[in-house]
N, C-alpha and C. Protein backbone atom coordinates (compact mmCIF):
# COMPACT_ATOMS: atom_id res chain seq x y z
N MET A 1 -144.91 58.13 -60.54
CA MET A 1 -144.95 59.07 -59.44
C MET A 1 -143.56 59.70 -59.28
N VAL A 2 -143.52 60.95 -58.93
CA VAL A 2 -142.26 61.67 -58.79
C VAL A 2 -142.12 62.19 -57.36
N LYS A 3 -140.87 62.47 -57.01
CA LYS A 3 -140.58 63.05 -55.69
C LYS A 3 -140.10 64.48 -55.94
N VAL A 4 -140.88 65.45 -55.48
CA VAL A 4 -140.57 66.86 -55.71
C VAL A 4 -139.66 67.37 -54.59
N CYS A 5 -138.58 68.03 -55.00
CA CYS A 5 -137.62 68.58 -54.02
C CYS A 5 -138.24 69.80 -53.34
N PRO A 6 -138.24 69.84 -51.99
CA PRO A 6 -138.82 70.99 -51.30
C PRO A 6 -137.95 72.25 -51.41
N ARG A 7 -136.68 72.10 -51.76
CA ARG A 7 -135.77 73.24 -51.86
C ARG A 7 -135.88 73.93 -53.23
N CYS A 8 -135.79 73.15 -54.32
CA CYS A 8 -135.74 73.77 -55.65
C CYS A 8 -136.94 73.45 -56.54
N GLY A 9 -137.79 72.49 -56.12
CA GLY A 9 -138.97 72.14 -56.88
C GLY A 9 -138.74 71.17 -58.02
N TYR A 10 -137.51 70.65 -58.15
CA TYR A 10 -137.19 69.71 -59.23
C TYR A 10 -137.94 68.39 -59.01
N GLN A 11 -138.41 67.79 -60.10
CA GLN A 11 -139.13 66.52 -60.02
C GLN A 11 -138.15 65.37 -60.22
N ASN A 12 -137.84 64.69 -59.11
CA ASN A 12 -136.92 63.55 -59.12
C ASN A 12 -137.70 62.26 -59.30
N ILE A 13 -136.98 61.18 -59.61
CA ILE A 13 -137.63 59.88 -59.73
C ILE A 13 -138.13 59.43 -58.36
N ASP A 14 -139.19 58.66 -58.36
CA ASP A 14 -139.74 58.15 -57.11
C ASP A 14 -138.69 57.28 -56.43
N GLY A 15 -138.46 57.50 -55.16
CA GLY A 15 -137.50 56.70 -54.40
C GLY A 15 -136.11 57.31 -54.37
N ALA A 16 -135.91 58.49 -54.99
CA ALA A 16 -134.59 59.13 -54.97
C ALA A 16 -134.24 59.53 -53.54
N THR A 17 -132.96 59.43 -53.20
CA THR A 17 -132.52 59.80 -51.86
C THR A 17 -131.92 61.21 -51.83
N VAL A 18 -131.49 61.70 -53.03
CA VAL A 18 -130.87 63.02 -53.15
C VAL A 18 -131.46 63.70 -54.39
N CYS A 19 -131.71 64.98 -54.30
CA CYS A 19 -132.22 65.73 -55.45
C CYS A 19 -131.14 65.78 -56.53
N ALA A 20 -131.54 65.47 -57.76
CA ALA A 20 -130.60 65.43 -58.87
C ALA A 20 -130.13 66.83 -59.28
N ARG A 21 -130.89 67.88 -58.94
CA ARG A 21 -130.53 69.23 -59.34
C ARG A 21 -129.70 69.94 -58.26
N CYS A 22 -130.22 69.99 -57.01
CA CYS A 22 -129.55 70.82 -55.99
C CYS A 22 -128.82 70.01 -54.92
N GLY A 23 -128.99 68.69 -54.92
CA GLY A 23 -128.27 67.87 -53.95
C GLY A 23 -128.95 67.75 -52.59
N TYR A 24 -130.19 68.28 -52.48
CA TYR A 24 -130.92 68.17 -51.21
C TYR A 24 -131.08 66.70 -50.84
N GLN A 25 -130.77 66.39 -49.59
CA GLN A 25 -130.87 65.00 -49.10
C GLN A 25 -132.29 64.80 -48.55
N PHE A 26 -133.05 63.94 -49.22
CA PHE A 26 -134.40 63.63 -48.75
C PHE A 26 -134.31 62.83 -47.45
N PRO A 27 -135.29 63.00 -46.55
CA PRO A 27 -135.28 62.21 -45.32
C PRO A 27 -135.31 60.71 -45.66
N GLN A 28 -134.52 59.94 -44.93
CA GLN A 28 -134.44 58.49 -45.16
C GLN A 28 -135.75 57.82 -44.84
N GLN A 29 -136.17 56.98 -45.77
CA GLN A 29 -137.35 56.17 -45.53
C GLN A 29 -136.95 54.98 -44.69
N SER A 30 -137.88 54.48 -43.96
CA SER A 30 -137.62 53.30 -43.14
C SER A 30 -138.23 52.08 -43.82
N MET A 31 -137.47 50.99 -43.81
CA MET A 31 -137.95 49.77 -44.42
C MET A 31 -137.55 48.59 -43.53
N ASN A 32 -138.50 47.71 -43.31
CA ASN A 32 -138.23 46.49 -42.56
C ASN A 32 -139.17 45.42 -43.10
N LEU A 33 -138.67 44.68 -44.10
CA LEU A 33 -139.48 43.66 -44.76
C LEU A 33 -139.00 42.27 -44.39
N SER A 34 -139.93 41.39 -44.14
CA SER A 34 -139.60 40.00 -43.85
C SER A 34 -140.07 39.14 -45.01
N PHE A 35 -139.19 38.28 -45.50
CA PHE A 35 -139.52 37.39 -46.62
C PHE A 35 -139.57 35.96 -46.11
N GLY A 36 -140.62 35.25 -46.47
CA GLY A 36 -140.78 33.87 -46.02
C GLY A 36 -140.46 32.87 -47.11
N GLY A 37 -140.29 31.63 -46.69
CA GLY A 37 -140.10 30.53 -47.62
C GLY A 37 -138.68 30.29 -48.08
N PHE A 38 -137.70 30.99 -47.51
CA PHE A 38 -136.32 30.79 -47.93
C PHE A 38 -135.63 29.76 -47.05
N SER A 39 -134.68 29.05 -47.64
CA SER A 39 -133.88 28.09 -46.88
C SER A 39 -132.47 28.06 -47.46
N LEU A 40 -131.54 27.60 -46.64
CA LEU A 40 -130.15 27.45 -47.09
C LEU A 40 -129.90 26.04 -47.62
N ASP A 41 -130.72 25.09 -47.15
CA ASP A 41 -130.49 23.67 -47.47
C ASP A 41 -131.69 22.99 -48.13
N LYS A 42 -132.65 23.74 -48.59
CA LYS A 42 -133.89 23.25 -49.22
C LYS A 42 -134.83 22.56 -48.24
N LYS A 43 -134.51 22.55 -46.95
CA LYS A 43 -135.35 21.85 -45.98
C LYS A 43 -135.82 22.76 -44.86
N HIS A 44 -134.92 23.44 -44.19
CA HIS A 44 -135.25 24.23 -43.01
C HIS A 44 -135.41 25.70 -43.36
N MET A 45 -136.59 26.24 -43.08
CA MET A 45 -136.88 27.63 -43.38
C MET A 45 -136.10 28.54 -42.42
N ILE A 46 -135.63 29.66 -42.96
CA ILE A 46 -134.88 30.61 -42.16
C ILE A 46 -135.48 32.00 -42.33
N PRO A 47 -135.29 32.88 -41.35
CA PRO A 47 -135.80 34.24 -41.49
C PRO A 47 -134.89 35.06 -42.40
N VAL A 48 -135.50 35.83 -43.29
CA VAL A 48 -134.77 36.75 -44.17
C VAL A 48 -135.44 38.11 -44.03
N ILE A 49 -134.68 39.10 -43.56
CA ILE A 49 -135.23 40.43 -43.29
C ILE A 49 -134.40 41.46 -44.04
N LEU A 50 -135.08 42.37 -44.72
CA LEU A 50 -134.43 43.44 -45.45
C LEU A 50 -134.82 44.76 -44.80
N THR A 51 -133.81 45.51 -44.34
CA THR A 51 -134.06 46.84 -43.78
C THR A 51 -133.44 47.86 -44.74
N ASN A 52 -133.54 49.14 -44.38
CA ASN A 52 -132.97 50.15 -45.26
C ASN A 52 -131.45 50.24 -45.13
N LYS A 53 -130.84 49.44 -44.24
CA LYS A 53 -129.39 49.47 -44.08
C LYS A 53 -128.72 48.13 -44.29
N GLU A 54 -129.47 47.03 -44.07
CA GLU A 54 -128.83 45.72 -44.12
C GLU A 54 -129.81 44.63 -44.53
N LEU A 55 -129.22 43.51 -44.92
CA LEU A 55 -129.96 42.29 -45.23
C LEU A 55 -129.58 41.28 -44.15
N ILE A 56 -130.57 40.78 -43.44
CA ILE A 56 -130.31 39.84 -42.35
C ILE A 56 -130.82 38.47 -42.77
N ILE A 57 -129.89 37.52 -42.87
CA ILE A 57 -130.21 36.15 -43.25
C ILE A 57 -129.80 35.25 -42.10
N LYS A 58 -130.79 34.70 -41.43
CA LYS A 58 -130.58 33.87 -40.25
C LYS A 58 -129.80 34.68 -39.22
N ASP A 59 -128.54 34.37 -38.99
CA ASP A 59 -127.72 35.10 -38.02
C ASP A 59 -126.70 36.02 -38.69
N THR A 60 -126.73 36.10 -40.00
CA THR A 60 -125.76 36.89 -40.75
C THR A 60 -126.35 38.23 -41.15
N SER A 61 -125.63 39.29 -40.83
CA SER A 61 -126.04 40.64 -41.20
C SER A 61 -125.12 41.14 -42.31
N ILE A 62 -125.71 41.50 -43.44
CA ILE A 62 -124.93 41.97 -44.59
C ILE A 62 -125.34 43.41 -44.87
N PRO A 63 -124.43 44.37 -44.70
CA PRO A 63 -124.76 45.76 -45.04
C PRO A 63 -125.08 45.89 -46.53
N LEU A 64 -126.10 46.69 -46.86
CA LEU A 64 -126.49 46.85 -48.25
C LEU A 64 -125.34 47.39 -49.10
N SER A 65 -124.49 48.22 -48.49
CA SER A 65 -123.36 48.80 -49.23
C SER A 65 -122.33 47.75 -49.63
N SER A 66 -122.32 46.59 -48.96
CA SER A 66 -121.33 45.56 -49.28
C SER A 66 -121.85 44.53 -50.29
N ILE A 67 -123.13 44.62 -50.65
CA ILE A 67 -123.70 43.67 -51.61
C ILE A 67 -123.24 44.05 -53.02
N ILE A 68 -122.61 43.09 -53.68
CA ILE A 68 -122.09 43.30 -55.02
C ILE A 68 -123.12 42.91 -56.08
N ASN A 69 -123.75 41.75 -55.89
CA ASN A 69 -124.67 41.24 -56.90
C ASN A 69 -125.74 40.36 -56.25
N VAL A 70 -126.96 40.47 -56.75
CA VAL A 70 -128.06 39.60 -56.34
C VAL A 70 -128.73 39.12 -57.62
N ASN A 71 -128.74 37.81 -57.83
CA ASN A 71 -129.40 37.31 -59.03
C ASN A 71 -130.25 36.10 -58.72
N LEU A 72 -131.14 35.82 -59.65
CA LEU A 72 -132.13 34.76 -59.50
C LEU A 72 -131.92 33.70 -60.57
N VAL A 73 -131.90 32.44 -60.14
CA VAL A 73 -131.79 31.31 -61.05
C VAL A 73 -132.99 30.42 -60.80
N LYS A 74 -133.73 30.09 -61.85
CA LYS A 74 -134.88 29.20 -61.70
C LYS A 74 -134.45 27.78 -62.03
N ILE A 75 -134.68 26.88 -61.12
CA ILE A 75 -134.31 25.48 -61.29
C ILE A 75 -135.58 24.68 -61.51
N ARG A 76 -135.55 23.83 -62.52
CA ARG A 76 -136.70 22.95 -62.76
C ARG A 76 -136.18 21.53 -62.76
N LYS A 77 -136.78 20.69 -61.96
CA LYS A 77 -136.36 19.30 -61.91
C LYS A 77 -137.57 18.39 -61.93
N ARG A 78 -137.36 17.17 -62.33
CA ARG A 78 -138.45 16.20 -62.39
C ARG A 78 -138.81 15.73 -60.99
N SER A 79 -140.09 15.57 -60.77
CA SER A 79 -140.57 15.06 -59.50
C SER A 79 -140.36 13.55 -59.45
N THR A 80 -139.70 13.06 -58.41
CA THR A 80 -139.37 11.64 -58.28
C THR A 80 -140.62 10.77 -58.22
N TRP A 81 -141.62 11.19 -57.49
CA TRP A 81 -142.80 10.35 -57.35
C TRP A 81 -143.57 10.25 -58.67
N ARG A 82 -143.57 11.30 -59.47
CA ARG A 82 -144.23 11.23 -60.78
C ARG A 82 -143.50 10.26 -61.71
N ILE A 83 -142.19 10.29 -61.65
CA ILE A 83 -141.41 9.36 -62.47
C ILE A 83 -141.69 7.93 -62.03
N ALA A 84 -141.73 7.68 -60.71
CA ALA A 84 -141.97 6.33 -60.20
C ALA A 84 -143.35 5.81 -60.63
N ILE A 85 -144.37 6.64 -60.53
CA ILE A 85 -145.71 6.21 -60.93
C ILE A 85 -145.76 5.93 -62.43
N SER A 86 -145.10 6.77 -63.23
CA SER A 86 -145.08 6.55 -64.68
C SER A 86 -144.37 5.25 -65.03
N ILE A 87 -143.26 4.97 -64.37
CA ILE A 87 -142.54 3.72 -64.61
C ILE A 87 -143.42 2.53 -64.24
N PHE A 88 -144.13 2.64 -63.13
CA PHE A 88 -145.04 1.57 -62.71
C PHE A 88 -146.11 1.33 -63.77
N MET A 89 -146.66 2.42 -64.33
CA MET A 89 -147.70 2.27 -65.36
C MET A 89 -147.13 1.62 -66.63
N PHE A 90 -145.89 1.94 -66.98
CA PHE A 90 -145.25 1.29 -68.13
C PHE A 90 -145.02 -0.20 -67.87
N ILE A 91 -144.64 -0.55 -66.64
CA ILE A 91 -144.43 -1.96 -66.29
C ILE A 91 -145.73 -2.73 -66.38
N VAL A 92 -146.81 -2.14 -65.85
CA VAL A 92 -148.12 -2.80 -65.92
C VAL A 92 -148.53 -3.01 -67.38
N ALA A 93 -148.32 -1.99 -68.21
CA ALA A 93 -148.68 -2.12 -69.63
C ALA A 93 -147.84 -3.19 -70.31
N SER A 94 -146.55 -3.25 -70.00
CA SER A 94 -145.68 -4.26 -70.59
C SER A 94 -146.10 -5.66 -70.18
N MET A 95 -146.47 -5.82 -68.91
CA MET A 95 -146.92 -7.13 -68.44
C MET A 95 -148.21 -7.55 -69.14
N ASP A 96 -149.09 -6.58 -69.42
CA ASP A 96 -150.32 -6.88 -70.16
C ASP A 96 -149.99 -7.44 -71.54
N VAL A 97 -149.05 -6.81 -72.21
CA VAL A 97 -148.66 -7.25 -73.55
C VAL A 97 -148.04 -8.65 -73.49
N ILE A 98 -147.17 -8.88 -72.52
CA ILE A 98 -146.50 -10.19 -72.38
C ILE A 98 -147.53 -11.29 -72.13
N PHE A 99 -148.43 -11.07 -71.19
CA PHE A 99 -149.44 -12.09 -70.86
C PHE A 99 -150.41 -12.30 -72.03
N ALA A 100 -150.78 -11.22 -72.69
CA ALA A 100 -151.72 -11.34 -73.81
C ALA A 100 -151.11 -12.17 -74.95
N THR A 101 -149.84 -11.93 -75.26
CA THR A 101 -149.21 -12.70 -76.33
C THR A 101 -148.91 -14.14 -75.89
N ALA A 102 -148.58 -14.33 -74.63
CA ALA A 102 -148.26 -15.68 -74.14
C ALA A 102 -149.49 -16.59 -74.15
N PHE A 103 -150.65 -16.03 -73.86
CA PHE A 103 -151.87 -16.83 -73.78
C PHE A 103 -152.73 -16.71 -75.03
N GLY A 104 -152.24 -16.01 -76.03
CA GLY A 104 -152.95 -15.91 -77.30
C GLY A 104 -154.19 -15.04 -77.25
N VAL A 105 -154.28 -14.15 -76.30
CA VAL A 105 -155.43 -13.26 -76.19
C VAL A 105 -155.00 -11.90 -76.75
N TYR A 106 -154.93 -11.83 -78.08
CA TYR A 106 -154.35 -10.65 -78.73
C TYR A 106 -155.20 -9.39 -78.61
N HIS A 107 -156.47 -9.54 -78.39
CA HIS A 107 -157.31 -8.34 -78.29
C HIS A 107 -157.01 -7.57 -76.99
N LEU A 108 -156.35 -8.20 -76.01
CA LEU A 108 -155.98 -7.49 -74.78
C LEU A 108 -154.77 -6.57 -74.97
N ILE A 109 -154.05 -6.76 -76.07
CA ILE A 109 -152.90 -5.90 -76.34
C ILE A 109 -153.36 -4.45 -76.47
N TYR A 110 -154.53 -4.27 -77.09
CA TYR A 110 -155.05 -2.92 -77.24
C TYR A 110 -155.37 -2.29 -75.89
N ALA A 111 -155.72 -3.10 -74.92
CA ALA A 111 -156.03 -2.58 -73.58
C ALA A 111 -154.77 -2.05 -72.90
N SER A 112 -153.60 -2.53 -73.30
CA SER A 112 -152.36 -2.06 -72.68
C SER A 112 -151.93 -0.69 -73.22
N VAL A 113 -152.54 -0.27 -74.30
CA VAL A 113 -152.23 1.05 -74.85
C VAL A 113 -152.67 2.14 -73.88
N VAL A 114 -153.76 1.94 -73.20
CA VAL A 114 -154.29 2.95 -72.28
C VAL A 114 -153.30 3.25 -71.15
N PRO A 115 -152.78 2.22 -70.41
CA PRO A 115 -151.80 2.58 -69.37
C PRO A 115 -150.54 3.23 -69.92
N ILE A 116 -150.14 2.85 -71.14
CA ILE A 116 -148.95 3.48 -71.73
C ILE A 116 -149.22 4.95 -71.99
N LEU A 117 -150.37 5.25 -72.58
CA LEU A 117 -150.71 6.66 -72.85
C LEU A 117 -150.88 7.45 -71.55
N LEU A 118 -151.49 6.82 -70.55
CA LEU A 118 -151.64 7.49 -69.26
C LEU A 118 -150.28 7.77 -68.63
N GLY A 119 -149.38 6.81 -68.73
CA GLY A 119 -148.03 6.99 -68.19
C GLY A 119 -147.29 8.13 -68.86
N ILE A 120 -147.39 8.19 -70.19
CA ILE A 120 -146.73 9.27 -70.93
C ILE A 120 -147.35 10.62 -70.56
N THR A 121 -148.67 10.66 -70.51
CA THR A 121 -149.35 11.91 -70.16
C THR A 121 -149.00 12.35 -68.74
N TYR A 122 -149.01 11.41 -67.82
CA TYR A 122 -148.71 11.73 -66.42
C TYR A 122 -147.29 12.22 -66.26
N LEU A 123 -146.37 11.63 -67.00
CA LEU A 123 -144.96 12.02 -66.90
C LEU A 123 -144.72 13.38 -67.54
N SER A 124 -145.41 13.66 -68.65
CA SER A 124 -145.13 14.89 -69.38
C SER A 124 -145.87 16.11 -68.84
N THR A 125 -147.00 15.94 -68.18
CA THR A 125 -147.76 17.10 -67.69
C THR A 125 -147.50 17.31 -66.21
N GLY A 126 -147.05 18.47 -65.87
CA GLY A 126 -146.86 18.83 -64.47
C GLY A 126 -145.81 18.01 -63.76
N SER A 127 -144.87 17.48 -64.50
CA SER A 127 -143.89 16.61 -63.85
C SER A 127 -142.63 17.35 -63.43
N ARG A 128 -142.65 18.66 -63.49
CA ARG A 128 -141.48 19.42 -63.08
C ARG A 128 -141.82 20.28 -61.86
N ILE A 129 -140.85 20.40 -60.98
CA ILE A 129 -141.00 21.22 -59.79
C ILE A 129 -140.17 22.47 -59.99
N GLY A 130 -140.75 23.63 -59.74
CA GLY A 130 -140.00 24.87 -59.85
C GLY A 130 -139.35 25.21 -58.52
N LEU A 131 -138.10 25.59 -58.59
CA LEU A 131 -137.35 25.98 -57.40
C LEU A 131 -136.52 27.19 -57.80
N SER A 132 -136.52 28.21 -56.98
CA SER A 132 -135.75 29.41 -57.28
C SER A 132 -134.52 29.46 -56.39
N LEU A 133 -133.41 29.82 -56.98
CA LEU A 133 -132.15 29.96 -56.26
C LEU A 133 -131.73 31.41 -56.37
N VAL A 134 -131.56 32.07 -55.22
CA VAL A 134 -131.12 33.46 -55.18
C VAL A 134 -129.67 33.46 -54.70
N ASN A 135 -128.78 33.94 -55.56
CA ASN A 135 -127.36 34.05 -55.21
C ASN A 135 -127.06 35.48 -54.80
N ILE A 136 -126.51 35.64 -53.61
CA ILE A 136 -126.15 36.96 -53.10
C ILE A 136 -124.63 36.99 -52.93
N THR A 137 -123.98 37.84 -53.72
CA THR A 137 -122.53 38.01 -53.60
C THR A 137 -122.28 39.33 -52.89
N TYR A 138 -121.47 39.29 -51.85
CA TYR A 138 -121.17 40.49 -51.10
C TYR A 138 -119.69 40.48 -50.73
N GLN A 139 -119.20 41.63 -50.29
CA GLN A 139 -117.80 41.71 -49.88
C GLN A 139 -117.62 40.80 -48.67
N GLY A 140 -116.89 39.73 -48.87
CA GLY A 140 -116.67 38.80 -47.76
C GLY A 140 -117.30 37.43 -47.99
N GLY A 141 -118.04 37.25 -49.08
CA GLY A 141 -118.61 35.92 -49.30
C GLY A 141 -119.79 35.87 -50.25
N GLN A 142 -120.45 34.74 -50.20
CA GLN A 142 -121.63 34.51 -51.05
C GLN A 142 -122.60 33.62 -50.28
N ILE A 143 -123.89 33.89 -50.45
CA ILE A 143 -124.94 33.08 -49.84
C ILE A 143 -125.93 32.70 -50.94
N SER A 144 -126.37 31.46 -50.92
CA SER A 144 -127.40 30.99 -51.85
C SER A 144 -128.64 30.63 -51.05
N LEU A 145 -129.77 31.16 -51.47
CA LEU A 145 -131.04 30.90 -50.81
C LEU A 145 -131.98 30.20 -51.78
N TYR A 146 -132.73 29.22 -51.28
CA TYR A 146 -133.71 28.50 -52.09
C TYR A 146 -135.11 28.93 -51.70
N ASN A 147 -136.00 28.96 -52.70
CA ASN A 147 -137.40 29.28 -52.44
C ASN A 147 -138.26 28.54 -53.47
N LYS A 148 -139.35 27.94 -52.99
CA LYS A 148 -140.23 27.16 -53.88
C LYS A 148 -141.28 28.02 -54.58
N ILE A 149 -141.38 29.29 -54.18
CA ILE A 149 -142.38 30.17 -54.79
C ILE A 149 -141.65 31.24 -55.60
N PRO A 150 -141.63 31.10 -56.92
CA PRO A 150 -140.86 32.02 -57.77
C PRO A 150 -141.23 33.50 -57.57
N ALA A 151 -142.50 33.80 -57.33
CA ALA A 151 -142.92 35.19 -57.17
C ALA A 151 -142.26 35.84 -55.96
N ILE A 152 -142.11 35.08 -54.87
CA ILE A 152 -141.45 35.61 -53.67
C ILE A 152 -139.98 35.87 -53.96
N ALA A 153 -139.33 34.92 -54.62
CA ALA A 153 -137.91 35.07 -54.94
C ALA A 153 -137.68 36.27 -55.87
N GLU A 154 -138.54 36.42 -56.87
CA GLU A 154 -138.42 37.55 -57.80
C GLU A 154 -138.62 38.88 -57.08
N SER A 155 -139.62 38.94 -56.21
CA SER A 155 -139.89 40.14 -55.43
C SER A 155 -138.71 40.47 -54.52
N PHE A 156 -138.14 39.45 -53.89
CA PHE A 156 -137.00 39.63 -53.00
C PHE A 156 -135.81 40.23 -53.75
N VAL A 157 -135.48 39.65 -54.90
CA VAL A 157 -134.34 40.14 -55.70
C VAL A 157 -134.57 41.59 -56.11
N LYS A 158 -135.79 41.90 -56.54
CA LYS A 158 -136.11 43.27 -56.94
C LYS A 158 -135.97 44.24 -55.76
N CYS A 159 -136.48 43.84 -54.60
CA CYS A 159 -136.41 44.70 -53.41
C CYS A 159 -134.97 44.95 -52.97
N VAL A 160 -134.15 43.89 -52.98
CA VAL A 160 -132.75 44.06 -52.56
C VAL A 160 -132.01 44.95 -53.55
N ASN A 161 -132.21 44.73 -54.85
CA ASN A 161 -131.55 45.57 -55.85
C ASN A 161 -132.00 47.03 -55.74
N ASN A 162 -133.29 47.26 -55.48
CA ASN A 162 -133.78 48.62 -55.28
C ASN A 162 -133.18 49.24 -54.03
N ALA A 163 -133.12 48.49 -52.94
CA ALA A 163 -132.58 49.00 -51.68
C ALA A 163 -131.10 49.35 -51.82
N LYS A 164 -130.36 48.59 -52.62
CA LYS A 164 -128.95 48.89 -52.88
C LYS A 164 -128.79 50.27 -53.52
N MET A 165 -129.78 50.66 -54.34
CA MET A 165 -129.73 51.95 -55.04
C MET A 165 -130.37 53.05 -54.20
N GLY A 166 -130.82 52.72 -52.99
CA GLY A 166 -131.45 53.72 -52.14
C GLY A 166 -132.93 53.91 -52.40
N ILE A 167 -133.52 53.02 -53.17
CA ILE A 167 -134.96 53.08 -53.46
C ILE A 167 -135.65 52.06 -52.57
N PHE A 168 -136.39 52.55 -51.60
CA PHE A 168 -137.03 51.66 -50.64
C PHE A 168 -138.50 51.48 -51.00
N ASN A 169 -138.68 50.92 -52.17
CA ASN A 169 -140.01 50.72 -52.72
C ASN A 169 -140.04 49.33 -53.35
N CYS A 170 -140.85 48.48 -52.85
CA CYS A 170 -140.90 47.09 -53.36
C CYS A 170 -142.18 46.80 -54.11
N LYS A 171 -142.61 47.71 -54.95
CA LYS A 171 -143.83 47.49 -55.73
C LYS A 171 -143.51 46.65 -56.93
């Protein structure tokens, strides 16, 4: 989609604030977006609002003109409870082997293979948690925001970078 200049008829890119040919200043679009799921400490959710002039994070207002860089880092870590359950399954399987050999019931050793395989499968499938870290560098400091939903974090970074360029379109 293009933005046609009413003065000269030039077809500018969608979201342009000034005509590339004649310099006509397009009327400012208004934007007020609220993003959910962000936190500063991975525990307490905070409000994050993006307007056409500033980024508001909790009580901090950052003018878009002062933002130097916004980037996204995806963090993947192992889930503690999955690791604990897998370790428990390995312990149970090991105890089966120890008791089977101690009492001479060798056919039970094969039964301990099942918990071992289940433990490996449980640990290897779905055992990572995705966490997104958004780093915002601006004149005067830096803020890091955490979000558990990568799509929201990606959309947020795209919207802020677009707003910095004067494009108030978060598609």
